[in-house]
Amino acid sequence: MSFFSNFQSDKCPGSISGNPTSGLCEKVCIQAQKIFDACIKQVQLEDYTLTLSDAQPADATYPLTFISAKSLSSEGTITSLSVDRMPDKPGCARVQATVSIPVEVLYTDANGTEGSASSIISVKQDVLLYVPAPSIMPYKITAEVSAVCAEGTFNADDGTFSVDACVTIILKVSIDVQILLPSYGYCTIPPAQDFSQEVCAGFFELPLYPKQGKCCPNK
């Protein structure tokens, strides 16, 4: 079983039926990340140059043939961050940064040997976001990222790939806070249901012994 495998309990997450205040029993303080603002940007980068590093195996024979490239993590690295508050827009700020996305590049070499290498896709951001007023606990700006490259060509002169990349970046302004929330109490955890292909289901459903038949009548 799991929360969403026909386990019936009002102490589990899921859709609410009836009065949503029924069952509320306490106010709890939890440690959470409060998102003050966020925005998403999706861009297509054409002929973007991927510089390879940490190639495996290290002795690949040129030329290389591109297979694919995709992001290794959903967390981007932010550098060159600049936050300029807008005097004419209270709470709003111009946020400029470079978001770097780690990617893994897959390829084959001239001998048909498969290999992989690391690279970085960097995208400049210049957006408007709500930034909370100064406080003892500072806000932070983070980036959630995703990138995929379906096509690429090898540049033999410098050992790089030129790719067309589809990139998604979500910038968030957040603070780790202690926040007070209404609670229904602790969750009821259902027992685990082991995965099974049930290859023996039909066999195990047979009776242990055959049904007792009637004796043959005397002839």
N, C-alpha and C. Protein backbone atom coordinates (compact mmCIF):
# COMPACT_ATOMS: atom_id res chain seq x y z
N MET A 1 0.84 -1.19 0.00
CA MET A 1 0.00 0.00 0.00
C MET A 1 0.88 1.25 0.00
N SER A 2 0.27 2.38 -0.30
CA SER A 2 0.89 3.69 -0.16
C SER A 2 -0.24 4.68 0.04
N PHE A 3 0.10 5.98 0.16
CA PHE A 3 -0.93 6.99 0.36
C PHE A 3 -1.97 6.97 -0.76
N PHE A 4 -1.55 6.59 -1.97
CA PHE A 4 -2.43 6.71 -3.12
C PHE A 4 -2.78 5.36 -3.72
N SER A 5 -2.74 4.31 -2.92
CA SER A 5 -3.09 2.96 -3.40
C SER A 5 -4.29 2.43 -2.65
N ASN A 6 -5.40 3.14 -2.78
CA ASN A 6 -6.67 2.72 -2.18
C ASN A 6 -6.56 2.53 -0.67
N PHE A 7 -5.70 3.33 -0.02
CA PHE A 7 -5.60 3.27 1.43
C PHE A 7 -6.53 4.32 2.02
N GLN A 8 -7.52 3.87 2.74
CA GLN A 8 -8.56 4.77 3.23
C GLN A 8 -8.25 5.24 4.65
N SER A 9 -7.97 6.53 4.78
CA SER A 9 -7.74 7.12 6.09
C SER A 9 -7.84 8.63 5.97
N ASP A 10 -8.44 9.28 6.97
CA ASP A 10 -8.51 10.74 6.95
C ASP A 10 -7.22 11.36 7.49
N LYS A 11 -6.22 10.55 7.76
CA LYS A 11 -4.93 11.03 8.25
C LYS A 11 -3.85 10.86 7.17
N CYS A 12 -4.25 10.91 5.91
CA CYS A 12 -3.30 10.78 4.81
C CYS A 12 -3.49 11.94 3.84
N PRO A 13 -2.45 12.32 3.10
CA PRO A 13 -2.61 13.37 2.09
C PRO A 13 -3.51 12.90 0.97
N GLY A 14 -4.17 13.86 0.33
CA GLY A 14 -5.07 13.54 -0.77
C GLY A 14 -6.13 14.61 -0.88
N SER A 15 -7.10 14.37 -1.75
CA SER A 15 -8.17 15.34 -1.95
C SER A 15 -9.06 15.43 -0.72
N ILE A 16 -9.69 16.58 -0.53
CA ILE A 16 -10.56 16.83 0.63
C ILE A 16 -12.01 16.62 0.22
N SER A 17 -12.71 15.88 1.00
CA SER A 17 -14.16 15.74 0.82
C SER A 17 -14.85 16.21 2.09
N GLY A 18 -15.91 16.98 1.91
CA GLY A 18 -16.61 17.50 3.07
C GLY A 18 -15.99 18.80 3.58
N ASN A 19 -16.16 19.05 4.87
CA ASN A 19 -15.70 20.28 5.49
C ASN A 19 -14.19 20.23 5.69
N PRO A 20 -13.42 21.13 5.07
CA PRO A 20 -11.96 21.06 5.19
C PRO A 20 -11.45 21.38 6.59
N THR A 21 -12.28 22.01 7.43
CA THR A 21 -11.84 22.32 8.79
C THR A 21 -12.08 21.15 9.75
N SER A 22 -12.82 20.14 9.30
CA SER A 22 -13.09 18.99 10.16
C SER A 22 -11.81 18.20 10.37
N GLY A 23 -11.45 17.99 11.63
CA GLY A 23 -10.26 17.23 11.94
C GLY A 23 -9.06 18.07 12.30
N LEU A 24 -9.12 19.39 12.05
CA LEU A 24 -8.02 20.25 12.46
C LEU A 24 -7.88 20.19 13.98
N CYS A 25 -6.65 19.96 14.44
CA CYS A 25 -6.49 19.72 15.87
C CYS A 25 -5.39 20.57 16.51
N GLU A 26 -4.54 21.22 15.71
CA GLU A 26 -3.45 21.99 16.31
C GLU A 26 -2.85 22.95 15.30
N LYS A 27 -2.05 23.88 15.82
CA LYS A 27 -1.21 24.74 15.00
C LYS A 27 0.23 24.28 15.20
N VAL A 28 0.93 24.03 14.11
CA VAL A 28 2.29 23.51 14.21
C VAL A 28 3.27 24.49 13.57
N CYS A 29 4.47 24.53 14.14
CA CYS A 29 5.55 25.34 13.59
C CYS A 29 6.48 24.42 12.82
N ILE A 30 6.66 24.70 11.53
CA ILE A 30 7.54 23.87 10.71
C ILE A 30 8.63 24.72 10.08
N GLN A 31 9.76 24.08 9.80
CA GLN A 31 10.84 24.74 9.09
C GLN A 31 10.59 24.54 7.60
N ALA A 32 10.51 25.64 6.86
CA ALA A 32 10.17 25.54 5.44
C ALA A 32 10.85 26.65 4.66
N GLN A 33 10.86 26.47 3.35
CA GLN A 33 11.37 27.49 2.45
C GLN A 33 10.17 28.27 1.90
N LYS A 34 10.07 29.54 2.28
CA LYS A 34 8.98 30.37 1.79
C LYS A 34 9.42 31.05 0.50
N ILE A 35 8.64 30.84 -0.56
CA ILE A 35 8.94 31.42 -1.85
C ILE A 35 8.21 32.77 -1.95
N PHE A 36 8.97 33.85 -2.01
CA PHE A 36 8.36 35.17 -2.11
C PHE A 36 8.02 35.52 -3.55
N ASP A 37 8.81 35.03 -4.50
CA ASP A 37 8.51 35.27 -5.90
C ASP A 37 9.29 34.26 -6.74
N ALA A 38 8.81 34.04 -7.95
CA ALA A 38 9.47 33.11 -8.86
C ALA A 38 9.04 33.44 -10.28
N CYS A 39 9.90 33.12 -11.23
CA CYS A 39 9.56 33.29 -12.64
C CYS A 39 10.27 32.22 -13.45
N ILE A 40 9.70 31.90 -14.60
CA ILE A 40 10.27 30.86 -15.46
C ILE A 40 10.62 31.46 -16.80
N LYS A 41 11.74 31.02 -17.35
CA LYS A 41 12.15 31.44 -18.69
C LYS A 41 12.60 30.19 -19.45
N GLN A 42 12.05 30.03 -20.64
CA GLN A 42 12.41 28.92 -21.50
C GLN A 42 12.97 29.48 -22.80
N VAL A 43 14.19 29.07 -23.14
CA VAL A 43 14.86 29.60 -24.31
C VAL A 43 15.45 28.47 -25.14
N GLN A 44 15.59 28.74 -26.43
CA GLN A 44 16.28 27.82 -27.33
C GLN A 44 17.59 28.47 -27.75
N LEU A 45 18.70 27.80 -27.42
CA LEU A 45 20.01 28.30 -27.78
C LEU A 45 20.48 27.59 -29.05
N GLU A 46 20.82 28.33 -30.07
CA GLU A 46 21.26 27.76 -31.33
C GLU A 46 22.76 27.90 -31.48
N ASP A 47 23.40 26.83 -31.96
CA ASP A 47 24.85 26.80 -32.16
C ASP A 47 25.62 27.17 -30.89
N TYR A 48 25.15 26.65 -29.77
CA TYR A 48 25.84 26.91 -28.50
C TYR A 48 27.04 25.97 -28.40
N THR A 49 28.17 26.50 -27.98
CA THR A 49 29.40 25.72 -27.92
C THR A 49 29.55 25.04 -26.56
N LEU A 50 29.65 23.71 -26.57
CA LEU A 50 29.89 22.94 -25.36
C LEU A 50 31.37 22.56 -25.30
N THR A 51 32.06 23.08 -24.29
CA THR A 51 33.45 22.72 -24.06
C THR A 51 33.50 21.50 -23.15
N LEU A 52 34.19 20.46 -23.58
CA LEU A 52 34.19 19.19 -22.86
C LEU A 52 35.28 19.14 -21.81
N SER A 53 34.96 18.45 -20.70
CA SER A 53 35.94 18.19 -19.63
C SER A 53 35.63 16.84 -19.01
N ASP A 54 36.62 16.28 -18.31
CA ASP A 54 36.45 14.99 -17.62
C ASP A 54 35.91 13.91 -18.56
N ALA A 55 36.50 13.83 -19.74
CA ALA A 55 36.04 12.85 -20.73
C ALA A 55 36.35 11.43 -20.27
N GLN A 56 35.40 10.52 -20.49
CA GLN A 56 35.57 9.10 -20.18
C GLN A 56 35.12 8.27 -21.38
N PRO A 57 36.01 7.48 -22.02
CA PRO A 57 37.44 7.36 -21.72
C PRO A 57 38.22 8.60 -22.18
N ALA A 58 39.41 8.76 -21.63
CA ALA A 58 40.19 9.97 -21.90
C ALA A 58 40.90 9.94 -23.25
N ASP A 59 41.02 8.78 -23.87
CA ASP A 59 41.79 8.65 -25.11
C ASP A 59 40.89 8.42 -26.32
N ALA A 60 39.79 9.16 -26.40
CA ALA A 60 38.86 9.01 -27.52
C ALA A 60 39.55 9.40 -28.82
N THR A 61 39.20 8.71 -29.90
CA THR A 61 39.76 8.97 -31.22
C THR A 61 38.83 9.89 -32.00
N TYR A 62 39.35 11.05 -32.41
CA TYR A 62 38.55 12.01 -33.18
C TYR A 62 38.34 11.50 -34.60
N PRO A 63 37.23 11.90 -35.25
CA PRO A 63 36.21 12.82 -34.77
C PRO A 63 35.17 12.13 -33.90
N LEU A 64 34.48 12.93 -33.10
CA LEU A 64 33.43 12.41 -32.23
C LEU A 64 32.07 12.62 -32.91
N THR A 65 31.15 11.72 -32.60
CA THR A 65 29.79 11.83 -33.12
C THR A 65 28.84 12.07 -31.95
N PHE A 66 28.11 13.16 -32.01
CA PHE A 66 27.22 13.56 -30.92
C PHE A 66 26.03 12.60 -30.81
N ILE A 67 25.71 12.22 -29.58
CA ILE A 67 24.52 11.41 -29.32
C ILE A 67 23.45 12.26 -28.64
N SER A 68 23.77 12.82 -27.48
CA SER A 68 22.82 13.64 -26.75
C SER A 68 23.54 14.37 -25.63
N ALA A 69 22.83 15.33 -25.05
CA ALA A 69 23.34 16.03 -23.86
C ALA A 69 22.14 16.48 -23.05
N LYS A 70 22.25 16.36 -21.73
CA LYS A 70 21.17 16.80 -20.86
C LYS A 70 21.74 17.22 -19.51
N SER A 71 20.95 17.98 -18.78
CA SER A 71 21.40 18.48 -17.48
C SER A 71 21.57 17.36 -16.49
N LEU A 72 22.58 17.51 -15.63
CA LEU A 72 22.88 16.50 -14.61
C LEU A 72 22.13 16.76 -13.31
N SER A 73 21.71 17.98 -13.08
CA SER A 73 21.07 18.35 -11.82
C SER A 73 19.99 19.38 -12.09
N SER A 74 19.02 19.46 -11.21
CA SER A 74 17.98 20.49 -11.32
C SER A 74 18.39 21.78 -10.63
N GLU A 75 19.57 21.81 -10.04
CA GLU A 75 20.05 23.00 -9.34
C GLU A 75 21.10 23.70 -10.17
N GLY A 76 20.83 24.95 -10.53
CA GLY A 76 21.78 25.74 -11.29
C GLY A 76 22.68 26.54 -10.36
N THR A 77 23.82 26.95 -10.89
CA THR A 77 24.76 27.79 -10.13
C THR A 77 24.61 29.23 -10.58
N ILE A 78 24.44 30.14 -9.60
CA ILE A 78 24.26 31.55 -9.90
C ILE A 78 25.55 32.31 -9.63
N THR A 79 26.00 33.08 -10.62
CA THR A 79 27.17 33.93 -10.47
C THR A 79 26.82 35.32 -11.02
N SER A 80 27.70 36.27 -10.71
CA SER A 80 27.53 37.66 -11.17
C SER A 80 26.14 38.19 -10.82
N LEU A 81 25.71 37.91 -9.58
CA LEU A 81 24.37 38.32 -9.15
C LEU A 81 24.34 39.80 -8.80
N SER A 82 23.32 40.48 -9.32
CA SER A 82 23.11 41.90 -9.02
C SER A 82 21.62 42.12 -8.77
N VAL A 83 21.30 42.73 -7.62
CA VAL A 83 19.90 43.01 -7.27
C VAL A 83 19.76 44.52 -7.06
N ASP A 84 19.00 45.16 -7.93
CA ASP A 84 18.81 46.61 -7.85
C ASP A 84 17.33 46.89 -7.62
N ARG A 85 17.01 47.43 -6.44
CA ARG A 85 15.62 47.73 -6.13
C ARG A 85 15.13 48.89 -6.98
N MET A 86 13.84 48.84 -7.32
CA MET A 86 13.23 49.85 -8.18
C MET A 86 12.53 50.89 -7.31
N PRO A 87 13.04 52.14 -7.28
CA PRO A 87 12.43 53.17 -6.42
C PRO A 87 10.96 53.43 -6.76
N ASP A 88 10.60 53.29 -8.03
CA ASP A 88 9.23 53.58 -8.45
C ASP A 88 8.30 52.38 -8.33
N LYS A 89 8.86 51.21 -7.95
CA LYS A 89 8.06 50.00 -7.78
C LYS A 89 8.43 49.35 -6.45
N PRO A 90 7.77 49.73 -5.36
CA PRO A 90 8.13 49.19 -4.03
C PRO A 90 8.09 47.67 -4.00
N GLY A 91 9.16 47.09 -3.46
CA GLY A 91 9.25 45.63 -3.35
C GLY A 91 9.79 44.96 -4.60
N CYS A 92 9.86 45.69 -5.70
CA CYS A 92 10.30 45.10 -6.96
C CYS A 92 11.77 45.43 -7.18
N ALA A 93 12.49 44.49 -7.79
CA ALA A 93 13.91 44.69 -8.03
C ALA A 93 14.30 44.10 -9.39
N ARG A 94 15.31 44.71 -9.98
CA ARG A 94 15.90 44.16 -11.20
C ARG A 94 16.98 43.16 -10.78
N VAL A 95 16.81 41.92 -11.20
CA VAL A 95 17.74 40.86 -10.81
C VAL A 95 18.51 40.43 -12.07
N GLN A 96 19.82 40.57 -12.01
CA GLN A 96 20.68 40.16 -13.10
C GLN A 96 21.63 39.07 -12.58
N ALA A 97 21.82 38.03 -13.37
CA ALA A 97 22.68 36.93 -12.94
C ALA A 97 23.03 36.07 -14.13
N THR A 98 24.08 35.28 -13.97
CA THR A 98 24.41 34.23 -14.93
C THR A 98 24.11 32.90 -14.28
N VAL A 99 23.27 32.11 -14.92
CA VAL A 99 22.88 30.79 -14.41
C VAL A 99 23.63 29.74 -15.21
N SER A 100 24.40 28.91 -14.51
CA SER A 100 25.18 27.85 -15.16
C SER A 100 24.53 26.50 -14.88
N ILE A 101 24.40 25.69 -15.94
CA ILE A 101 23.74 24.40 -15.86
C ILE A 101 24.74 23.30 -16.20
N PRO A 102 25.02 22.39 -15.25
CA PRO A 102 25.93 21.28 -15.57
C PRO A 102 25.23 20.27 -16.47
N VAL A 103 25.91 19.83 -17.52
CA VAL A 103 25.33 18.87 -18.46
C VAL A 103 26.29 17.71 -18.70
N GLU A 104 25.73 16.58 -19.06
CA GLU A 104 26.50 15.41 -19.47
C GLU A 104 26.33 15.23 -20.96
N VAL A 105 27.45 15.08 -21.67
CA VAL A 105 27.44 14.93 -23.11
C VAL A 105 27.81 13.48 -23.45
N LEU A 106 26.99 12.84 -24.27
CA LEU A 106 27.25 11.47 -24.71
C LEU A 106 27.61 11.48 -26.19
N TYR A 107 28.57 10.62 -26.56
CA TYR A 107 29.04 10.59 -27.94
C TYR A 107 29.70 9.25 -28.23
N THR A 108 30.05 9.03 -29.50
CA THR A 108 30.89 7.91 -29.90
C THR A 108 32.09 8.48 -30.63
N ASP A 109 33.23 7.77 -30.50
CA ASP A 109 34.41 8.25 -31.21
C ASP A 109 34.54 7.57 -32.58
N ALA A 110 35.66 7.82 -33.25
CA ALA A 110 35.83 7.31 -34.61
C ALA A 110 35.85 5.79 -34.67
N ASN A 111 36.15 5.15 -33.52
CA ASN A 111 36.18 3.68 -33.46
C ASN A 111 34.84 3.08 -33.03
N GLY A 112 33.84 3.94 -32.84
CA GLY A 112 32.53 3.46 -32.39
C GLY A 112 32.44 3.26 -30.89
N THR A 113 33.45 3.69 -30.15
CA THR A 113 33.44 3.54 -28.69
C THR A 113 32.60 4.65 -28.06
N GLU A 114 31.68 4.27 -27.19
CA GLU A 114 30.85 5.26 -26.52
C GLU A 114 31.64 5.97 -25.43
N GLY A 115 31.39 7.26 -25.28
CA GLY A 115 32.06 8.05 -24.26
C GLY A 115 31.14 9.12 -23.71
N SER A 116 31.61 9.77 -22.65
CA SER A 116 30.84 10.85 -22.03
C SER A 116 31.79 11.90 -21.51
N ALA A 117 31.27 13.11 -21.35
CA ALA A 117 32.07 14.21 -20.82
C ALA A 117 31.14 15.20 -20.14
N SER A 118 31.73 16.06 -19.34
CA SER A 118 30.97 17.10 -18.65
C SER A 118 31.11 18.43 -19.39
N SER A 119 30.10 19.26 -19.24
CA SER A 119 30.15 20.59 -19.82
C SER A 119 29.21 21.51 -19.04
N ILE A 120 29.19 22.78 -19.46
CA ILE A 120 28.37 23.78 -18.79
C ILE A 120 27.62 24.60 -19.83
N ILE A 121 26.34 24.83 -19.57
CA ILE A 121 25.55 25.79 -20.35
C ILE A 121 25.28 26.99 -19.45
N SER A 122 25.70 28.17 -19.87
CA SER A 122 25.52 29.38 -19.07
C SER A 122 24.57 30.33 -19.80
N VAL A 123 23.59 30.85 -19.05
CA VAL A 123 22.57 31.74 -19.62
C VAL A 123 22.45 32.96 -18.72
N LYS A 124 22.52 34.15 -19.32
CA LYS A 124 22.35 35.39 -18.57
C LYS A 124 20.87 35.68 -18.37
N GLN A 125 20.56 36.15 -17.16
CA GLN A 125 19.18 36.49 -16.81
C GLN A 125 19.11 37.96 -16.41
N ASP A 126 18.04 38.61 -16.83
CA ASP A 126 17.80 40.01 -16.48
C ASP A 126 16.29 40.17 -16.34
N VAL A 127 15.79 40.03 -15.11
CA VAL A 127 14.35 39.95 -14.87
C VAL A 127 13.94 40.85 -13.71
N LEU A 128 12.63 41.05 -13.59
CA LEU A 128 12.05 41.77 -12.46
C LEU A 128 11.42 40.76 -11.51
N LEU A 129 11.75 40.88 -10.22
CA LEU A 129 11.21 39.99 -9.20
C LEU A 129 10.86 40.78 -7.95
N TYR A 130 9.89 40.28 -7.20
CA TYR A 130 9.61 40.86 -5.88
C TYR A 130 10.70 40.39 -4.91
N VAL A 131 11.31 41.32 -4.21
CA VAL A 131 12.35 41.01 -3.24
C VAL A 131 11.92 41.57 -1.89
N PRO A 132 11.82 40.75 -0.85
CA PRO A 132 11.33 41.23 0.44
C PRO A 132 12.24 42.28 1.05
N ALA A 133 11.68 43.05 1.97
CA ALA A 133 12.45 44.10 2.65
C ALA A 133 13.56 43.49 3.48
N PRO A 134 14.62 44.24 3.76
CA PRO A 134 15.73 43.71 4.56
C PRO A 134 15.26 43.18 5.91
N SER A 135 15.85 42.06 6.33
CA SER A 135 15.50 41.44 7.61
C SER A 135 16.74 40.74 8.14
N ILE A 136 16.65 40.27 9.42
CA ILE A 136 17.79 39.57 10.01
C ILE A 136 18.13 38.33 9.20
N MET A 137 17.12 37.58 8.82
CA MET A 137 17.33 36.41 7.99
C MET A 137 17.33 36.85 6.53
N PRO A 138 18.42 36.68 5.82
CA PRO A 138 18.50 37.20 4.44
C PRO A 138 17.75 36.33 3.45
N TYR A 139 17.28 36.97 2.40
CA TYR A 139 16.68 36.21 1.31
C TYR A 139 17.80 35.60 0.46
N LYS A 140 17.44 34.63 -0.34
CA LYS A 140 18.40 34.05 -1.29
C LYS A 140 17.71 33.88 -2.64
N ILE A 141 18.52 33.95 -3.67
CA ILE A 141 18.01 33.76 -5.03
C ILE A 141 18.64 32.49 -5.58
N THR A 142 17.80 31.56 -5.96
CA THR A 142 18.26 30.26 -6.46
C THR A 142 17.64 29.99 -7.82
N ALA A 143 18.18 28.98 -8.49
CA ALA A 143 17.70 28.63 -9.83
C ALA A 143 17.47 27.14 -9.94
N GLU A 144 16.29 26.77 -10.40
CA GLU A 144 16.01 25.39 -10.80
C GLU A 144 16.11 25.32 -12.32
N VAL A 145 16.80 24.30 -12.82
CA VAL A 145 17.14 24.30 -14.24
C VAL A 145 16.89 22.94 -14.89
N SER A 146 16.78 22.98 -16.19
CA SER A 146 16.71 21.77 -17.00
C SER A 146 17.19 22.13 -18.40
N ALA A 147 17.97 21.23 -19.00
CA ALA A 147 18.47 21.48 -20.35
C ALA A 147 18.58 20.16 -21.10
N VAL A 148 18.28 20.20 -22.38
CA VAL A 148 18.41 19.01 -23.22
C VAL A 148 18.88 19.46 -24.60
N CYS A 149 19.76 18.68 -25.18
CA CYS A 149 20.29 18.95 -26.52
C CYS A 149 20.10 17.70 -27.36
N ALA A 150 19.30 17.81 -28.40
CA ALA A 150 19.02 16.64 -29.22
C ALA A 150 19.94 16.53 -30.43
N GLU A 151 20.51 17.65 -30.86
CA GLU A 151 21.36 17.65 -32.05
C GLU A 151 22.65 18.40 -31.77
N GLY A 152 23.74 17.94 -32.37
CA GLY A 152 25.02 18.61 -32.19
C GLY A 152 26.03 18.15 -33.22
N THR A 153 26.99 19.01 -33.51
CA THR A 153 28.06 18.69 -34.46
C THR A 153 29.40 18.90 -33.78
N PHE A 154 30.37 18.10 -34.18
CA PHE A 154 31.69 18.15 -33.57
C PHE A 154 32.59 19.14 -34.30
N ASN A 155 33.34 19.92 -33.50
CA ASN A 155 34.30 20.88 -34.04
C ASN A 155 35.70 20.31 -33.81
N ALA A 156 36.30 19.77 -34.86
CA ALA A 156 37.60 19.10 -34.72
C ALA A 156 38.71 20.07 -34.35
N ASP A 157 38.57 21.35 -34.69
CA ASP A 157 39.64 22.32 -34.43
C ASP A 157 39.92 22.49 -32.94
N ASP A 158 38.85 22.51 -32.14
CA ASP A 158 39.05 22.72 -30.70
C ASP A 158 38.42 21.64 -29.84
N GLY A 159 37.89 20.57 -30.43
CA GLY A 159 37.34 19.47 -29.66
C GLY A 159 36.07 19.80 -28.91
N THR A 160 35.25 20.70 -29.45
CA THR A 160 33.99 21.08 -28.82
C THR A 160 32.82 20.58 -29.66
N PHE A 161 31.61 20.71 -29.09
CA PHE A 161 30.38 20.43 -29.83
C PHE A 161 29.59 21.72 -29.98
N SER A 162 28.98 21.91 -31.14
CA SER A 162 28.01 22.98 -31.34
C SER A 162 26.63 22.34 -31.30
N VAL A 163 25.77 22.83 -30.41
CA VAL A 163 24.48 22.17 -30.19
C VAL A 163 23.35 23.20 -30.21
N ASP A 164 22.15 22.68 -30.43
CA ASP A 164 20.93 23.44 -30.21
C ASP A 164 20.34 22.95 -28.89
N ALA A 165 20.20 23.86 -27.94
CA ALA A 165 19.79 23.47 -26.59
C ALA A 165 18.45 24.08 -26.22
N CYS A 166 17.62 23.27 -25.57
CA CYS A 166 16.35 23.74 -25.00
C CYS A 166 16.56 23.88 -23.49
N VAL A 167 16.42 25.10 -22.99
CA VAL A 167 16.77 25.40 -21.61
C VAL A 167 15.58 25.98 -20.86
N THR A 168 15.35 25.47 -19.65
CA THR A 168 14.33 26.01 -18.75
C THR A 168 15.01 26.45 -17.46
N ILE A 169 14.72 27.70 -17.05
CA ILE A 169 15.29 28.25 -15.82
C ILE A 169 14.17 28.85 -14.98
N ILE A 170 14.09 28.44 -13.72
CA ILE A 170 13.15 29.03 -12.77
C ILE A 170 13.96 29.75 -11.70
N LEU A 171 13.83 31.06 -11.65
CA LEU A 171 14.48 31.85 -10.61
C LEU A 171 13.52 32.01 -9.44
N LYS A 172 14.03 31.83 -8.21
CA LYS A 172 13.19 31.93 -7.02
C LYS A 172 13.83 32.84 -6.00
N VAL A 173 13.00 33.62 -5.33
CA VAL A 173 13.43 34.43 -4.19
C VAL A 173 12.82 33.80 -2.95
N SER A 174 13.64 33.36 -2.01
CA SER A 174 13.12 32.61 -0.87
C SER A 174 13.89 32.92 0.40
N ILE A 175 13.28 32.53 1.52
CA ILE A 175 13.92 32.59 2.84
C ILE A 175 13.53 31.32 3.59
N ASP A 176 14.49 30.70 4.27
CA ASP A 176 14.18 29.58 5.16
C ASP A 176 13.57 30.14 6.44
N VAL A 177 12.32 29.76 6.71
CA VAL A 177 11.58 30.36 7.81
C VAL A 177 10.96 29.29 8.70
N GLN A 178 10.56 29.71 9.89
CA GLN A 178 9.71 28.90 10.74
C GLN A 178 8.30 29.46 10.60
N ILE A 179 7.40 28.65 10.07
CA ILE A 179 6.08 29.14 9.72
C ILE A 179 5.01 28.35 10.46
N LEU A 180 3.94 29.03 10.84
CA LEU A 180 2.86 28.40 11.60
C LEU A 180 1.75 27.98 10.65
N LEU A 181 1.36 26.68 10.75
CA LEU A 181 0.35 26.13 9.87
C LEU A 181 -0.69 25.34 10.67
N PRO A 182 -1.94 25.32 10.18
CA PRO A 182 -2.92 24.43 10.81
C PRO A 182 -2.59 22.99 10.46
N SER A 183 -2.92 22.08 11.38
CA SER A 183 -2.52 20.68 11.18
C SER A 183 -3.65 19.74 11.56
N TYR A 184 -3.68 18.60 10.86
CA TYR A 184 -4.58 17.50 11.20
C TYR A 184 -3.88 16.47 12.07
N GLY A 185 -2.67 16.75 12.50
CA GLY A 185 -1.92 15.78 13.29
C GLY A 185 -1.00 14.96 12.40
N TYR A 186 -0.42 13.93 12.96
CA TYR A 186 0.52 13.09 12.22
C TYR A 186 -0.18 12.24 11.16
N CYS A 187 0.56 11.95 10.08
CA CYS A 187 0.04 11.07 9.04
C CYS A 187 -0.03 9.64 9.54
N THR A 188 -1.02 8.92 9.06
CA THR A 188 -1.06 7.48 9.23
C THR A 188 -0.31 6.86 8.06
N ILE A 189 0.74 6.11 8.34
CA ILE A 189 1.57 5.53 7.28
C ILE A 189 1.05 4.15 6.93
N PRO A 190 0.65 3.92 5.69
CA PRO A 190 0.13 2.60 5.31
C PRO A 190 1.26 1.58 5.19
N PRO A 191 0.96 0.30 5.36
CA PRO A 191 1.99 -0.73 5.18
C PRO A 191 2.41 -0.80 3.73
N ALA A 192 3.68 -1.15 3.50
CA ALA A 192 4.21 -1.23 2.15
C ALA A 192 3.61 -2.42 1.41
N GLN A 193 3.40 -2.23 0.12
CA GLN A 193 2.93 -3.30 -0.73
C GLN A 193 4.10 -3.69 -1.63
N ASP A 194 4.64 -4.87 -1.45
CA ASP A 194 5.78 -5.32 -2.24
C ASP A 194 5.38 -5.47 -3.70
N PHE A 195 6.26 -5.03 -4.59
CA PHE A 195 6.02 -5.20 -6.02
C PHE A 195 6.16 -6.67 -6.39
N SER A 196 5.25 -7.14 -7.20
CA SER A 196 5.29 -8.53 -7.63
C SER A 196 4.71 -8.65 -9.02
N GLN A 197 5.36 -9.45 -9.84
CA GLN A 197 4.84 -9.71 -11.18
C GLN A 197 3.73 -10.74 -11.14
N GLU A 198 3.56 -11.39 -9.98
CA GLU A 198 2.49 -12.36 -9.76
C GLU A 198 2.53 -13.48 -10.80
N VAL A 199 3.75 -13.96 -11.07
CA VAL A 199 3.88 -15.05 -12.04
C VAL A 199 3.29 -16.35 -11.51
N CYS A 200 3.18 -16.45 -10.18
CA CYS A 200 2.64 -17.69 -9.60
C CYS A 200 1.19 -17.55 -9.17
N ALA A 201 0.57 -16.39 -9.51
CA ALA A 201 -0.77 -16.15 -9.00
C ALA A 201 -1.74 -17.24 -9.44
N GLY A 202 -1.71 -17.59 -10.70
CA GLY A 202 -2.64 -18.60 -11.18
C GLY A 202 -2.40 -19.95 -10.54
N PHE A 203 -1.14 -20.27 -10.28
CA PHE A 203 -0.81 -21.56 -9.68
C PHE A 203 -1.22 -21.61 -8.22
N PHE A 204 -0.93 -20.54 -7.48
CA PHE A 204 -1.23 -20.53 -6.05
C PHE A 204 -2.73 -20.47 -5.77
N GLU A 205 -3.52 -20.07 -6.77
CA GLU A 205 -4.97 -20.02 -6.57
C GLU A 205 -5.62 -21.39 -6.73
N LEU A 206 -4.85 -22.37 -7.20
CA LEU A 206 -5.40 -23.73 -7.30
C LEU A 206 -5.60 -24.30 -5.90
N PRO A 207 -6.57 -25.17 -5.73
CA PRO A 207 -6.74 -25.83 -4.42
C PRO A 207 -5.54 -26.72 -4.12
N LEU A 208 -5.25 -26.88 -2.83
CA LEU A 208 -4.12 -27.71 -2.45
C LEU A 208 -4.30 -29.14 -2.90
N TYR A 209 -5.50 -29.66 -2.75
CA TYR A 209 -5.83 -31.02 -3.19
C TYR A 209 -7.04 -30.95 -4.12
N PRO A 210 -7.16 -31.89 -5.02
CA PRO A 210 -8.32 -31.88 -5.91
C PRO A 210 -9.61 -32.17 -5.14
N LYS A 211 -10.71 -31.72 -5.69
CA LYS A 211 -11.99 -32.01 -5.06
C LYS A 211 -12.24 -33.51 -5.06
N GLN A 212 -12.89 -33.94 -4.01
CA GLN A 212 -13.18 -35.35 -3.87
C GLN A 212 -14.28 -35.75 -4.87
N GLY A 213 -13.96 -36.64 -5.78
CA GLY A 213 -14.96 -37.07 -6.74
C GLY A 213 -15.83 -38.19 -6.20
N LYS A 214 -16.94 -38.44 -6.85
CA LYS A 214 -17.82 -39.54 -6.42
C LYS A 214 -17.23 -40.86 -6.91
N CYS A 215 -17.42 -41.85 -6.10
CA CYS A 215 -16.95 -43.19 -6.48
C CYS A 215 -17.74 -43.69 -7.69
N CYS A 216 -17.03 -44.43 -8.49
CA CYS A 216 -17.72 -45.01 -9.65
C CYS A 216 -18.79 -45.98 -9.20
N PRO A 217 -19.97 -45.93 -9.80
CA PRO A 217 -21.03 -46.87 -9.40
C PRO A 217 -20.66 -48.29 -9.80
N ASN A 218 -21.16 -49.25 -9.03
CA ASN A 218 -20.89 -50.64 -9.34
C ASN A 218 -21.58 -51.03 -10.66
N LYS A 219 -20.84 -51.70 -11.47
CA LYS A 219 -21.41 -52.16 -12.74
C LYS A 219 -21.93 -53.58 -12.60
